[in-house]
Amino acid sequence: MVITAASTVDVVREKFPQAVLETVEHRDEQTIILDPGSLVEVCQFLKAQLQYNFLETVTAVDWPERTPRFDVVYQLLSIEHQCFIRLKVRVGQRRETHPEVPSITSVWAGANWYEREVYDLFGITFAGHPDLRRIMMPEDWTTHPLRKDYPISGFELPEPHWGGQVPYNVDPGVGDYYQQSLRSSEGRQFNEGRTQVNPGQEPGTLPTTEEA
């Protein structure tokens, strides 16, 4: 059998009829939407039987007005057959703080850091992950920056890092280590050249004579 993305969809649908919730073809790309409980089994089959041996990435998409709220997206490539397939699982019920999907690190070891990134930025947990912890944000940060309800302006660290900020009266979710704050409309703009600094500027970031 010639393995293509389209034939992969047919084989998976026939092999795992209970797992396939929906299939989508868009601009010659094939997507299989799976029941989360069958994710690992389908991935094992794709790798062992259809030579999808390269996990390109794992990411997520937040749909805050939809239930389930999140798509967890897996991009798979068969190097041998030069074809690409996308898997999706949908998780996140209403008021569910940290939805869970199975880890696929047992199938592709490279999923380790991808899953940590999704956990860090979206708050989705991966059951069975060998070392699930934040990979970008501080360990005590309790919010998830790629969720759509995260403040557009983000959270800023107080001076001496940047100026013009309004500290919160209550901790908005980073624990005791940092004080989160929002930039005020009157605050100075980001000054990437560091030509303007305050007297308490952190060591090592004062501009040189040439920069000034």
N, C-alpha and C. Protein backbone atom coordinates (compact mmCIF):
# COMPACT_ATOMS: atom_id res chain seq x y z
N MET A 1 0.84 -1.20 0.00
CA MET A 1 0.00 0.00 0.00
C MET A 1 0.87 1.25 0.00
N VAL A 2 0.53 2.19 -0.87
CA VAL A 2 1.23 3.46 -0.90
C VAL A 2 0.69 4.32 0.25
N ILE A 3 1.61 4.78 1.09
CA ILE A 3 1.20 5.56 2.25
C ILE A 3 1.23 7.04 1.90
N THR A 4 0.07 7.65 1.97
CA THR A 4 -0.07 9.09 1.81
C THR A 4 -0.86 9.61 3.01
N ALA A 5 -0.99 10.92 3.11
CA ALA A 5 -1.78 11.48 4.20
C ALA A 5 -3.23 11.01 4.10
N ALA A 6 -3.77 11.01 2.88
CA ALA A 6 -5.16 10.59 2.69
C ALA A 6 -5.36 9.12 3.04
N SER A 7 -4.43 8.27 2.60
CA SER A 7 -4.56 6.85 2.91
C SER A 7 -4.36 6.60 4.41
N THR A 8 -3.55 7.42 5.06
CA THR A 8 -3.37 7.31 6.51
C THR A 8 -4.69 7.53 7.24
N VAL A 9 -5.43 8.53 6.80
CA VAL A 9 -6.73 8.81 7.41
C VAL A 9 -7.64 7.59 7.27
N ASP A 10 -7.67 6.99 6.08
CA ASP A 10 -8.53 5.82 5.84
C ASP A 10 -8.12 4.65 6.73
N VAL A 11 -6.81 4.43 6.85
CA VAL A 11 -6.33 3.29 7.65
C VAL A 11 -6.66 3.51 9.12
N VAL A 12 -6.42 4.72 9.64
CA VAL A 12 -6.69 4.99 11.05
C VAL A 12 -8.19 4.89 11.33
N ARG A 13 -9.01 5.40 10.42
CA ARG A 13 -10.46 5.33 10.62
C ARG A 13 -10.94 3.87 10.65
N GLU A 14 -10.34 3.03 9.80
CA GLU A 14 -10.73 1.62 9.77
C GLU A 14 -10.20 0.86 10.98
N LYS A 15 -8.95 1.17 11.40
CA LYS A 15 -8.31 0.46 12.51
C LYS A 15 -8.88 0.89 13.86
N PHE A 16 -9.20 2.18 14.00
CA PHE A 16 -9.64 2.72 15.29
C PHE A 16 -10.96 3.48 15.11
N PRO A 17 -12.03 2.80 14.73
CA PRO A 17 -13.30 3.52 14.49
C PRO A 17 -13.83 4.22 15.73
N GLN A 18 -13.55 3.65 16.91
CA GLN A 18 -14.04 4.26 18.15
C GLN A 18 -13.23 5.48 18.55
N ALA A 19 -12.03 5.63 17.99
CA ALA A 19 -11.13 6.72 18.39
C ALA A 19 -11.31 7.97 17.54
N VAL A 20 -11.72 7.80 16.29
CA VAL A 20 -11.78 8.92 15.35
C VAL A 20 -13.12 9.65 15.51
N LEU A 21 -13.05 10.88 15.98
CA LEU A 21 -14.25 11.68 16.15
C LEU A 21 -14.62 12.46 14.90
N GLU A 22 -13.60 12.84 14.14
CA GLU A 22 -13.83 13.66 12.95
C GLU A 22 -12.55 13.67 12.13
N THR A 23 -12.69 13.83 10.82
CA THR A 23 -11.53 14.05 9.96
C THR A 23 -11.79 15.30 9.12
N VAL A 24 -10.72 16.03 8.86
CA VAL A 24 -10.84 17.29 8.12
C VAL A 24 -9.76 17.33 7.06
N GLU A 25 -10.14 17.70 5.84
CA GLU A 25 -9.17 17.96 4.77
C GLU A 25 -9.27 19.42 4.40
N HIS A 26 -8.15 20.13 4.45
CA HIS A 26 -8.14 21.55 4.13
C HIS A 26 -6.83 21.88 3.45
N ARG A 27 -6.92 22.40 2.23
CA ARG A 27 -5.73 22.76 1.45
C ARG A 27 -4.75 21.59 1.36
N ASP A 28 -5.30 20.44 1.07
CA ASP A 28 -4.51 19.21 0.89
C ASP A 28 -3.82 18.74 2.17
N GLU A 29 -4.21 19.27 3.31
CA GLU A 29 -3.69 18.78 4.59
C GLU A 29 -4.77 17.99 5.31
N GLN A 30 -4.34 16.89 5.94
CA GLN A 30 -5.27 15.98 6.59
C GLN A 30 -5.15 16.09 8.10
N THR A 31 -6.29 16.22 8.77
CA THR A 31 -6.34 16.29 10.22
C THR A 31 -7.28 15.23 10.75
N ILE A 32 -6.83 14.51 11.77
CA ILE A 32 -7.66 13.51 12.44
C ILE A 32 -7.91 13.98 13.86
N ILE A 33 -9.16 14.12 14.22
CA ILE A 33 -9.53 14.52 15.58
C ILE A 33 -9.88 13.26 16.36
N LEU A 34 -9.14 13.04 17.45
CA LEU A 34 -9.20 11.78 18.18
C LEU A 34 -9.82 11.95 19.55
N ASP A 35 -10.38 10.87 20.05
CA ASP A 35 -10.73 10.79 21.46
C ASP A 35 -9.43 10.76 22.27
N PRO A 36 -9.29 11.61 23.29
CA PRO A 36 -8.02 11.67 24.03
C PRO A 36 -7.58 10.33 24.60
N GLY A 37 -8.52 9.48 24.99
CA GLY A 37 -8.15 8.20 25.58
C GLY A 37 -7.48 7.25 24.60
N SER A 38 -7.61 7.50 23.31
CA SER A 38 -7.01 6.63 22.29
C SER A 38 -5.75 7.23 21.68
N LEU A 39 -5.33 8.39 22.16
CA LEU A 39 -4.22 9.10 21.53
C LEU A 39 -2.95 8.28 21.48
N VAL A 40 -2.53 7.72 22.61
CA VAL A 40 -1.25 7.00 22.65
C VAL A 40 -1.30 5.77 21.75
N GLU A 41 -2.39 5.04 21.78
CA GLU A 41 -2.52 3.84 20.96
C GLU A 41 -2.44 4.18 19.47
N VAL A 42 -3.10 5.23 19.05
CA VAL A 42 -3.04 5.64 17.65
C VAL A 42 -1.64 6.10 17.27
N CYS A 43 -0.99 6.84 18.15
CA CYS A 43 0.38 7.29 17.86
C CYS A 43 1.33 6.11 17.74
N GLN A 44 1.21 5.13 18.60
CA GLN A 44 2.05 3.93 18.51
C GLN A 44 1.86 3.24 17.17
N PHE A 45 0.61 3.15 16.73
CA PHE A 45 0.32 2.53 15.43
C PHE A 45 0.91 3.33 14.28
N LEU A 46 0.75 4.64 14.31
CA LEU A 46 1.28 5.48 13.24
C LEU A 46 2.80 5.37 13.13
N LYS A 47 3.46 5.29 14.26
CA LYS A 47 4.92 5.19 14.23
C LYS A 47 5.37 3.80 13.79
N ALA A 48 4.79 2.76 14.36
CA ALA A 48 5.28 1.40 14.10
C ALA A 48 4.84 0.86 12.74
N GLN A 49 3.61 1.16 12.35
CA GLN A 49 3.06 0.55 11.15
C GLN A 49 3.09 1.43 9.91
N LEU A 50 3.01 2.73 10.10
CA LEU A 50 2.95 3.63 8.94
C LEU A 50 4.17 4.55 8.85
N GLN A 51 5.17 4.31 9.69
CA GLN A 51 6.46 5.01 9.62
C GLN A 51 6.35 6.52 9.82
N TYR A 52 5.42 6.96 10.67
CA TYR A 52 5.43 8.37 11.07
C TYR A 52 6.42 8.50 12.22
N ASN A 53 7.67 8.61 11.84
CA ASN A 53 8.75 8.50 12.82
C ASN A 53 9.27 9.85 13.32
N PHE A 54 8.71 10.94 12.81
CA PHE A 54 9.21 12.27 13.22
C PHE A 54 8.05 13.10 13.78
N LEU A 55 8.16 13.47 15.04
CA LEU A 55 7.20 14.37 15.68
C LEU A 55 7.70 15.80 15.48
N GLU A 56 7.02 16.53 14.61
CA GLU A 56 7.47 17.90 14.31
C GLU A 56 7.23 18.84 15.47
N THR A 57 6.05 18.77 16.07
CA THR A 57 5.75 19.66 17.19
C THR A 57 4.49 19.20 17.91
N VAL A 58 4.34 19.69 19.12
CA VAL A 58 3.09 19.59 19.86
C VAL A 58 2.75 21.01 20.30
N THR A 59 1.54 21.44 20.03
CA THR A 59 1.13 22.78 20.43
C THR A 59 -0.33 22.74 20.84
N ALA A 60 -0.91 23.91 21.10
CA ALA A 60 -2.30 23.96 21.51
C ALA A 60 -2.94 25.24 21.00
N VAL A 61 -4.27 25.24 20.97
CA VAL A 61 -5.06 26.42 20.58
C VAL A 61 -6.16 26.58 21.62
N ASP A 62 -6.37 27.81 22.05
CA ASP A 62 -7.38 28.12 23.07
C ASP A 62 -8.62 28.70 22.39
N TRP A 63 -9.76 28.05 22.61
CA TRP A 63 -11.05 28.56 22.14
C TRP A 63 -11.92 28.81 23.38
N PRO A 64 -11.76 29.97 24.04
CA PRO A 64 -12.37 30.17 25.36
C PRO A 64 -13.89 30.10 25.38
N GLU A 65 -14.56 30.33 24.24
CA GLU A 65 -16.02 30.29 24.22
C GLU A 65 -16.55 28.92 23.81
N ARG A 66 -15.65 27.97 23.59
CA ARG A 66 -16.06 26.64 23.15
C ARG A 66 -15.85 25.63 24.27
N THR A 67 -16.64 24.59 24.28
CA THR A 67 -16.43 23.45 25.17
C THR A 67 -16.41 22.18 24.32
N PRO A 68 -15.32 21.43 24.36
CA PRO A 68 -14.05 21.60 25.09
C PRO A 68 -13.28 22.83 24.61
N ARG A 69 -12.56 23.42 25.53
CA ARG A 69 -11.93 24.71 25.28
C ARG A 69 -10.67 24.63 24.42
N PHE A 70 -9.87 23.58 24.58
CA PHE A 70 -8.55 23.54 23.96
C PHE A 70 -8.44 22.46 22.89
N ASP A 71 -7.72 22.78 21.83
CA ASP A 71 -7.21 21.78 20.90
C ASP A 71 -5.74 21.54 21.25
N VAL A 72 -5.36 20.30 21.46
CA VAL A 72 -3.95 19.95 21.54
C VAL A 72 -3.59 19.34 20.19
N VAL A 73 -2.55 19.87 19.56
CA VAL A 73 -2.26 19.58 18.16
C VAL A 73 -0.91 18.89 18.04
N TYR A 74 -0.88 17.81 17.25
CA TYR A 74 0.33 17.03 17.02
C TYR A 74 0.60 16.99 15.52
N GLN A 75 1.80 17.42 15.13
CA GLN A 75 2.19 17.41 13.73
C GLN A 75 3.18 16.26 13.51
N LEU A 76 2.81 15.31 12.66
CA LEU A 76 3.62 14.12 12.43
C LEU A 76 4.08 14.05 10.98
N LEU A 77 5.31 13.59 10.80
CA LEU A 77 5.87 13.46 9.46
C LEU A 77 6.44 12.06 9.27
N SER A 78 6.08 11.44 8.15
CA SER A 78 6.74 10.20 7.74
C SER A 78 7.86 10.58 6.78
N ILE A 79 9.08 10.49 7.26
CA ILE A 79 10.22 10.85 6.41
C ILE A 79 10.33 9.87 5.25
N GLU A 80 10.10 8.60 5.52
CA GLU A 80 10.22 7.58 4.48
C GLU A 80 9.22 7.80 3.35
N HIS A 81 8.00 8.17 3.70
CA HIS A 81 6.95 8.31 2.69
C HIS A 81 6.69 9.77 2.32
N GLN A 82 7.40 10.68 2.95
CA GLN A 82 7.28 12.10 2.65
C GLN A 82 5.82 12.58 2.71
N CYS A 83 5.17 12.27 3.82
CA CYS A 83 3.81 12.75 3.99
C CYS A 83 3.60 13.20 5.44
N PHE A 84 2.64 14.08 5.59
CA PHE A 84 2.41 14.79 6.85
C PHE A 84 0.97 14.56 7.29
N ILE A 85 0.79 14.37 8.60
CA ILE A 85 -0.55 14.21 9.16
C ILE A 85 -0.64 15.03 10.45
N ARG A 86 -1.83 15.53 10.70
CA ARG A 86 -2.06 16.31 11.92
C ARG A 86 -3.08 15.58 12.79
N LEU A 87 -2.77 15.44 14.06
CA LEU A 87 -3.72 14.89 15.03
C LEU A 87 -4.16 16.00 15.97
N LYS A 88 -5.42 15.92 16.40
CA LYS A 88 -5.92 16.86 17.40
C LYS A 88 -6.73 16.10 18.45
N VAL A 89 -6.61 16.54 19.69
CA VAL A 89 -7.54 16.10 20.73
C VAL A 89 -8.11 17.35 21.38
N ARG A 90 -9.36 17.26 21.80
CA ARG A 90 -10.04 18.41 22.39
C ARG A 90 -10.30 18.14 23.86
N VAL A 91 -9.84 19.06 24.72
CA VAL A 91 -9.99 18.90 26.17
C VAL A 91 -10.34 20.23 26.79
N GLY A 92 -10.81 20.17 28.04
CA GLY A 92 -11.09 21.39 28.78
C GLY A 92 -12.57 21.64 28.92
N GLN A 93 -13.17 21.05 29.93
CA GLN A 93 -14.58 21.28 30.19
C GLN A 93 -14.77 22.60 30.94
N ARG A 94 -16.00 23.05 31.01
CA ARG A 94 -16.30 24.32 31.65
C ARG A 94 -15.80 24.34 33.10
N ARG A 95 -15.06 25.38 33.43
CA ARG A 95 -14.49 25.60 34.78
C ARG A 95 -13.44 24.55 35.15
N GLU A 96 -12.93 23.82 34.18
CA GLU A 96 -11.83 22.89 34.44
C GLU A 96 -10.52 23.66 34.39
N THR A 97 -9.80 23.70 35.48
CA THR A 97 -8.61 24.55 35.58
C THR A 97 -7.45 24.02 34.76
N HIS A 98 -7.16 22.73 34.89
CA HIS A 98 -6.02 22.13 34.19
C HIS A 98 -6.46 20.84 33.51
N PRO A 99 -6.98 20.94 32.28
CA PRO A 99 -7.38 19.72 31.57
C PRO A 99 -6.19 18.81 31.32
N GLU A 100 -6.48 17.53 31.12
CA GLU A 100 -5.40 16.54 31.03
C GLU A 100 -5.52 15.71 29.76
N VAL A 101 -4.38 15.45 29.15
CA VAL A 101 -4.28 14.51 28.03
C VAL A 101 -3.13 13.55 28.33
N PRO A 102 -3.12 12.38 27.70
CA PRO A 102 -1.99 11.45 27.93
C PRO A 102 -0.71 11.98 27.29
N SER A 103 0.40 11.75 27.94
CA SER A 103 1.70 12.08 27.36
C SER A 103 2.05 11.07 26.27
N ILE A 104 2.70 11.56 25.22
CA ILE A 104 3.18 10.65 24.16
C ILE A 104 4.71 10.52 24.19
N THR A 105 5.31 10.86 25.33
CA THR A 105 6.77 10.72 25.45
C THR A 105 7.21 9.27 25.33
N SER A 106 6.33 8.32 25.62
CA SER A 106 6.70 6.91 25.47
C SER A 106 6.77 6.50 24.01
N VAL A 107 6.18 7.30 23.13
CA VAL A 107 6.21 7.01 21.68
C VAL A 107 7.34 7.80 21.02
N TRP A 108 7.36 9.09 21.26
CA TRP A 108 8.44 9.96 20.75
C TRP A 108 9.05 10.69 21.95
N ALA A 109 10.30 10.39 22.25
CA ALA A 109 10.96 11.04 23.39
C ALA A 109 11.01 12.55 23.21
N GLY A 110 11.03 13.01 21.96
CA GLY A 110 11.09 14.43 21.68
C GLY A 110 9.86 15.20 22.11
N ALA A 111 8.79 14.49 22.49
CA ALA A 111 7.59 15.18 22.97
C ALA A 111 7.82 15.82 24.33
N ASN A 112 8.89 15.46 25.02
CA ASN A 112 9.12 15.90 26.39
C ASN A 112 9.02 17.42 26.53
N TRP A 113 9.88 18.14 25.81
CA TRP A 113 9.91 19.60 25.96
C TRP A 113 8.69 20.25 25.33
N TYR A 114 8.16 19.67 24.24
CA TYR A 114 6.95 20.23 23.63
C TYR A 114 5.80 20.21 24.64
N GLU A 115 5.64 19.08 25.33
CA GLU A 115 4.55 18.97 26.30
C GLU A 115 4.77 19.90 27.49
N ARG A 116 6.00 20.07 27.89
CA ARG A 116 6.29 21.02 28.97
C ARG A 116 5.93 22.45 28.55
N GLU A 117 6.20 22.78 27.30
CA GLU A 117 5.87 24.12 26.81
C GLU A 117 4.35 24.34 26.81
N VAL A 118 3.60 23.35 26.34
CA VAL A 118 2.14 23.47 26.33
C VAL A 118 1.60 23.55 27.76
N TYR A 119 2.17 22.76 28.65
CA TYR A 119 1.78 22.83 30.06
C TYR A 119 2.04 24.22 30.63
N ASP A 120 3.21 24.77 30.34
CA ASP A 120 3.61 26.06 30.87
C ASP A 120 2.71 27.18 30.35
N LEU A 121 2.48 27.20 29.03
CA LEU A 121 1.83 28.35 28.41
C LEU A 121 0.32 28.23 28.32
N PHE A 122 -0.22 27.00 28.38
CA PHE A 122 -1.67 26.82 28.29
C PHE A 122 -2.28 26.20 29.55
N GLY A 123 -1.47 25.61 30.42
CA GLY A 123 -2.00 24.99 31.63
C GLY A 123 -2.62 23.63 31.40
N ILE A 124 -2.26 22.97 30.30
CA ILE A 124 -2.75 21.62 30.01
C ILE A 124 -1.74 20.62 30.56
N THR A 125 -2.19 19.66 31.34
CA THR A 125 -1.29 18.67 31.92
C THR A 125 -1.23 17.42 31.06
N PHE A 126 -0.12 16.69 31.17
CA PHE A 126 0.12 15.50 30.37
C PHE A 126 0.37 14.32 31.30
N ALA A 127 -0.62 13.45 31.40
CA ALA A 127 -0.52 12.30 32.31
C ALA A 127 0.56 11.35 31.83
N GLY A 128 1.45 11.00 32.75
CA GLY A 128 2.53 10.09 32.43
C GLY A 128 3.81 10.76 31.96
N HIS A 129 3.81 12.08 31.90
CA HIS A 129 5.04 12.79 31.52
C HIS A 129 6.09 12.59 32.61
N PRO A 130 7.36 12.33 32.22
CA PRO A 130 8.37 12.01 33.24
C PRO A 130 8.87 13.20 34.05
N ASP A 131 8.62 14.43 33.58
CA ASP A 131 9.19 15.58 34.29
C ASP A 131 8.38 16.83 33.96
N LEU A 132 7.09 16.82 34.29
CA LEU A 132 6.20 17.90 33.87
C LEU A 132 6.38 19.10 34.79
N ARG A 133 7.07 20.12 34.29
CA ARG A 133 7.27 21.38 35.01
C ARG A 133 7.45 22.48 33.99
N ARG A 134 7.36 23.71 34.46
CA ARG A 134 7.47 24.85 33.55
C ARG A 134 8.82 24.86 32.84
N ILE A 135 8.80 25.41 31.61
CA ILE A 135 10.03 25.42 30.82
C ILE A 135 10.43 26.84 30.43
N MET A 136 9.51 27.80 30.53
CA MET A 136 9.79 29.19 30.19
C MET A 136 9.54 30.14 31.36
N MET A 137 8.37 30.03 31.96
CA MET A 137 8.01 30.93 33.05
C MET A 137 8.63 30.45 34.35
N PRO A 138 8.75 31.35 35.36
CA PRO A 138 9.27 30.93 36.66
C PRO A 138 8.41 29.83 37.27
N GLU A 139 9.02 28.99 38.07
CA GLU A 139 8.31 27.84 38.64
C GLU A 139 7.09 28.25 39.45
N ASP A 140 7.13 29.43 40.10
CA ASP A 140 6.01 29.82 40.94
C ASP A 140 4.98 30.68 40.20
N TRP A 141 5.13 30.84 38.90
CA TRP A 141 4.13 31.58 38.11
C TRP A 141 2.88 30.71 38.00
N THR A 142 1.73 31.25 38.33
CA THR A 142 0.53 30.42 38.40
C THR A 142 -0.48 30.71 37.30
N THR A 143 -0.11 31.56 36.34
CA THR A 143 -0.98 31.83 35.20
C THR A 143 -0.33 31.27 33.94
N HIS A 144 -1.06 31.33 32.81
CA HIS A 144 -0.60 30.68 31.58
C HIS A 144 -0.72 31.66 30.42
N PRO A 145 0.43 32.18 29.93
CA PRO A 145 0.44 33.35 29.04
C PRO A 145 -0.25 33.18 27.69
N LEU A 146 -0.42 31.96 27.17
CA LEU A 146 -1.06 31.82 25.87
C LEU A 146 -2.55 31.51 25.95
N ARG A 147 -3.10 31.55 27.16
CA ARG A 147 -4.56 31.48 27.26
C ARG A 147 -5.15 32.82 26.82
N LYS A 148 -6.29 32.76 26.16
CA LYS A 148 -6.88 33.98 25.59
C LYS A 148 -7.37 34.95 26.67
N ASP A 149 -7.57 34.47 27.90
CA ASP A 149 -8.00 35.38 28.95
C ASP A 149 -6.83 36.01 29.71
N TYR A 150 -5.61 35.75 29.26
CA TYR A 150 -4.43 36.39 29.85
C TYR A 150 -4.42 37.86 29.43
N PRO A 151 -4.07 38.80 30.32
CA PRO A 151 -4.11 40.23 29.96
C PRO A 151 -3.26 40.53 28.72
N ILE A 152 -3.83 41.30 27.80
CA ILE A 152 -3.12 41.62 26.56
C ILE A 152 -1.81 42.32 26.85
N SER A 153 -1.80 43.18 27.86
CA SER A 153 -0.57 43.90 28.19
C SER A 153 0.41 43.05 28.96
N GLY A 154 -0.01 41.85 29.35
CA GLY A 154 0.88 40.98 30.12
C GLY A 154 1.09 41.50 31.53
N PHE A 155 2.04 40.90 32.20
CA PHE A 155 2.44 41.32 33.54
C PHE A 155 3.88 41.76 33.49
N GLU A 156 4.17 42.88 34.12
CA GLU A 156 5.53 43.41 34.11
C GLU A 156 6.14 43.30 35.50
N LEU A 157 7.44 43.12 35.53
CA LEU A 157 8.15 43.16 36.80
C LEU A 157 8.37 44.60 37.21
N PRO A 158 8.35 44.91 38.50
CA PRO A 158 8.54 46.31 38.94
C PRO A 158 9.97 46.77 38.72
N GLU A 159 10.18 48.07 38.87
CA GLU A 159 11.53 48.61 38.77
C GLU A 159 12.47 47.86 39.71
N PRO A 160 13.75 47.68 39.37
CA PRO A 160 14.46 48.46 38.35
C PRO A 160 14.38 47.92 36.93
N HIS A 161 13.46 47.01 36.64
CA HIS A 161 13.43 46.42 35.31
C HIS A 161 12.84 47.37 34.28
N TRP A 162 11.63 47.88 34.54
CA TRP A 162 11.00 48.83 33.62
C TRP A 162 10.26 49.87 34.45
N GLY A 163 9.98 51.01 33.84
CA GLY A 163 9.30 52.08 34.57
C GLY A 163 7.83 52.19 34.22
N GLY A 164 7.13 53.08 34.93
CA GLY A 164 5.75 53.39 34.63
C GLY A 164 4.78 52.26 34.89
N GLN A 165 4.87 51.63 36.02
CA GLN A 165 4.01 50.49 36.30
C GLN A 165 3.14 50.73 37.52
N VAL A 166 2.00 50.06 37.51
CA VAL A 166 1.05 50.19 38.60
C VAL A 166 0.96 48.86 39.32
N PRO A 167 1.54 48.73 40.51
CA PRO A 167 1.47 47.45 41.22
C PRO A 167 0.04 47.09 41.60
N TYR A 168 -0.24 45.80 41.56
CA TYR A 168 -1.53 45.31 42.04
C TYR A 168 -1.59 45.38 43.56
N ASN A 169 -2.79 45.50 44.07
CA ASN A 169 -2.99 45.45 45.52
C ASN A 169 -3.03 44.03 46.04
N VAL A 170 -3.37 43.10 45.14
CA VAL A 170 -3.41 41.68 45.52
C VAL A 170 -2.59 40.90 44.52
N ASP A 171 -2.11 39.76 44.95
CA ASP A 171 -1.32 38.91 44.08
C ASP A 171 -2.21 38.30 43.00
N PRO A 172 -1.97 38.58 41.71
CA PRO A 172 -2.81 38.04 40.66
C PRO A 172 -2.41 36.65 40.21
N GLY A 173 -1.42 36.06 40.85
CA GLY A 173 -1.15 34.68 40.52
C GLY A 173 0.27 34.29 40.24
N VAL A 174 1.24 34.86 40.93
CA VAL A 174 2.61 34.40 40.74
C VAL A 174 3.28 34.05 42.06
N GLY A 175 2.51 33.95 43.12
CA GLY A 175 3.12 33.59 44.38
C GLY A 175 3.82 34.77 45.02
N ASP A 176 4.76 34.49 45.89
CA ASP A 176 5.42 35.54 46.67
C ASP A 176 6.73 36.01 46.06
N TYR A 177 7.18 35.35 44.99
CA TYR A 177 8.52 35.64 44.51
C TYR A 177 8.59 36.93 43.71
N TYR A 178 7.57 37.17 42.86
CA TYR A 178 7.52 38.39 42.07
C TYR A 178 6.29 39.18 42.42
N GLN A 179 6.34 40.47 42.18
CA GLN A 179 5.16 41.32 42.30
C GLN A 179 4.72 41.66 40.88
N GLN A 180 3.55 41.16 40.48
CA GLN A 180 3.07 41.46 39.14
C GLN A 180 2.47 42.86 39.11
N SER A 181 2.53 43.47 37.96
CA SER A 181 1.98 44.80 37.81
C SER A 181 1.61 45.03 36.36
N LEU A 182 0.77 46.03 36.12
CA LEU A 182 0.40 46.43 34.77
C LEU A 182 1.01 47.79 34.47
N ARG A 183 1.41 47.99 33.22
CA ARG A 183 1.99 49.28 32.82
C ARG A 183 0.89 50.33 32.77
N SER A 184 1.18 51.51 33.28
CA SER A 184 0.20 52.59 33.22
C SER A 184 0.28 53.28 31.87
N SER A 185 -0.80 53.97 31.50
CA SER A 185 -0.80 54.69 30.22
C SER A 185 0.19 55.84 30.23
N GLU A 186 0.54 56.33 31.42
CA GLU A 186 1.49 57.44 31.51
C GLU A 186 2.94 56.97 31.58
N GLY A 187 3.16 55.69 31.73
CA GLY A 187 4.51 55.17 31.89
C GLY A 187 5.34 55.32 30.63
N ARG A 188 6.65 55.38 30.77
CA ARG A 188 7.51 55.51 29.61
C ARG A 188 7.45 54.25 28.78
N GLN A 189 7.71 54.38 27.51
CA GLN A 189 7.67 53.25 26.60
C GLN A 189 8.92 52.39 26.79
N PHE A 190 8.85 51.18 26.24
CA PHE A 190 10.03 50.34 26.29
C PHE A 190 11.18 51.04 25.59
N ASN A 191 12.34 50.96 26.17
CA ASN A 191 13.51 51.67 25.67
C ASN A 191 14.60 50.63 25.40
N GLU A 192 14.48 50.00 24.23
CA GLU A 192 15.37 48.88 23.94
C GLU A 192 16.84 49.30 23.90
N GLY A 193 17.11 50.55 23.50
CA GLY A 193 18.48 51.01 23.45
C GLY A 193 19.07 51.31 24.81
N ARG A 194 18.19 51.34 25.85
CA ARG A 194 18.63 51.59 27.23
C ARG A 194 19.34 52.94 27.35
N THR A 195 18.88 53.91 26.57
CA THR A 195 19.51 55.23 26.67
C THR A 195 18.99 56.01 27.86
N GLN A 196 17.84 55.59 28.38
CA GLN A 196 17.30 56.22 29.57
C GLN A 196 17.20 55.17 30.67
N VAL A 197 17.81 55.46 31.78
CA VAL A 197 17.78 54.50 32.88
C VAL A 197 17.45 55.24 34.16
N ASN A 198 16.93 54.51 35.11
CA ASN A 198 16.68 55.16 36.40
C ASN A 198 17.88 54.92 37.31
N PRO A 199 18.00 55.66 38.39
CA PRO A 199 19.18 55.54 39.27
C PRO A 199 19.35 54.15 39.85
N GLY A 200 18.26 53.41 39.97
CA GLY A 200 18.36 52.08 40.55
C GLY A 200 18.44 50.98 39.51
N GLN A 201 18.90 51.34 38.30
CA GLN A 201 18.95 50.35 37.22
C GLN A 201 19.75 49.12 37.65
N GLU A 202 19.30 47.96 37.20
CA GLU A 202 19.98 46.74 37.61
C GLU A 202 21.41 46.72 37.09
N PRO A 203 22.34 46.13 37.84
CA PRO A 203 23.75 46.12 37.44
C PRO A 203 23.94 45.45 36.09
N GLY A 204 24.89 45.99 35.34
CA GLY A 204 25.26 45.37 34.08
C GLY A 204 24.44 45.81 32.90
N THR A 205 23.47 46.71 33.10
CA THR A 205 22.65 47.15 31.98
C THR A 205 22.75 48.65 31.73
N LEU A 206 23.64 49.32 32.43
CA LEU A 206 23.83 50.74 32.17
C LEU A 206 24.44 50.91 30.77
N PRO A 207 23.96 51.90 29.99
CA PRO A 207 24.48 52.09 28.64
C PRO A 207 25.92 52.58 28.65
N THR A 208 26.67 52.16 27.67
CA THR A 208 28.03 52.65 27.53
C THR A 208 27.98 54.05 26.95
N THR A 209 29.14 54.73 26.94
CA THR A 209 29.23 56.09 26.38
C THR A 209 28.82 56.07 24.93
N GLU A 210 29.26 55.04 24.18
CA GLU A 210 28.96 54.97 22.76
C GLU A 210 27.45 54.81 22.55
N GLU A 211 26.80 53.98 23.40
CA GLU A 211 25.37 53.75 23.26
C GLU A 211 24.57 55.00 23.60
N ALA A 212 25.06 55.73 24.64
CA ALA A 212 24.36 56.93 25.04
C ALA A 212 24.48 58.02 23.99
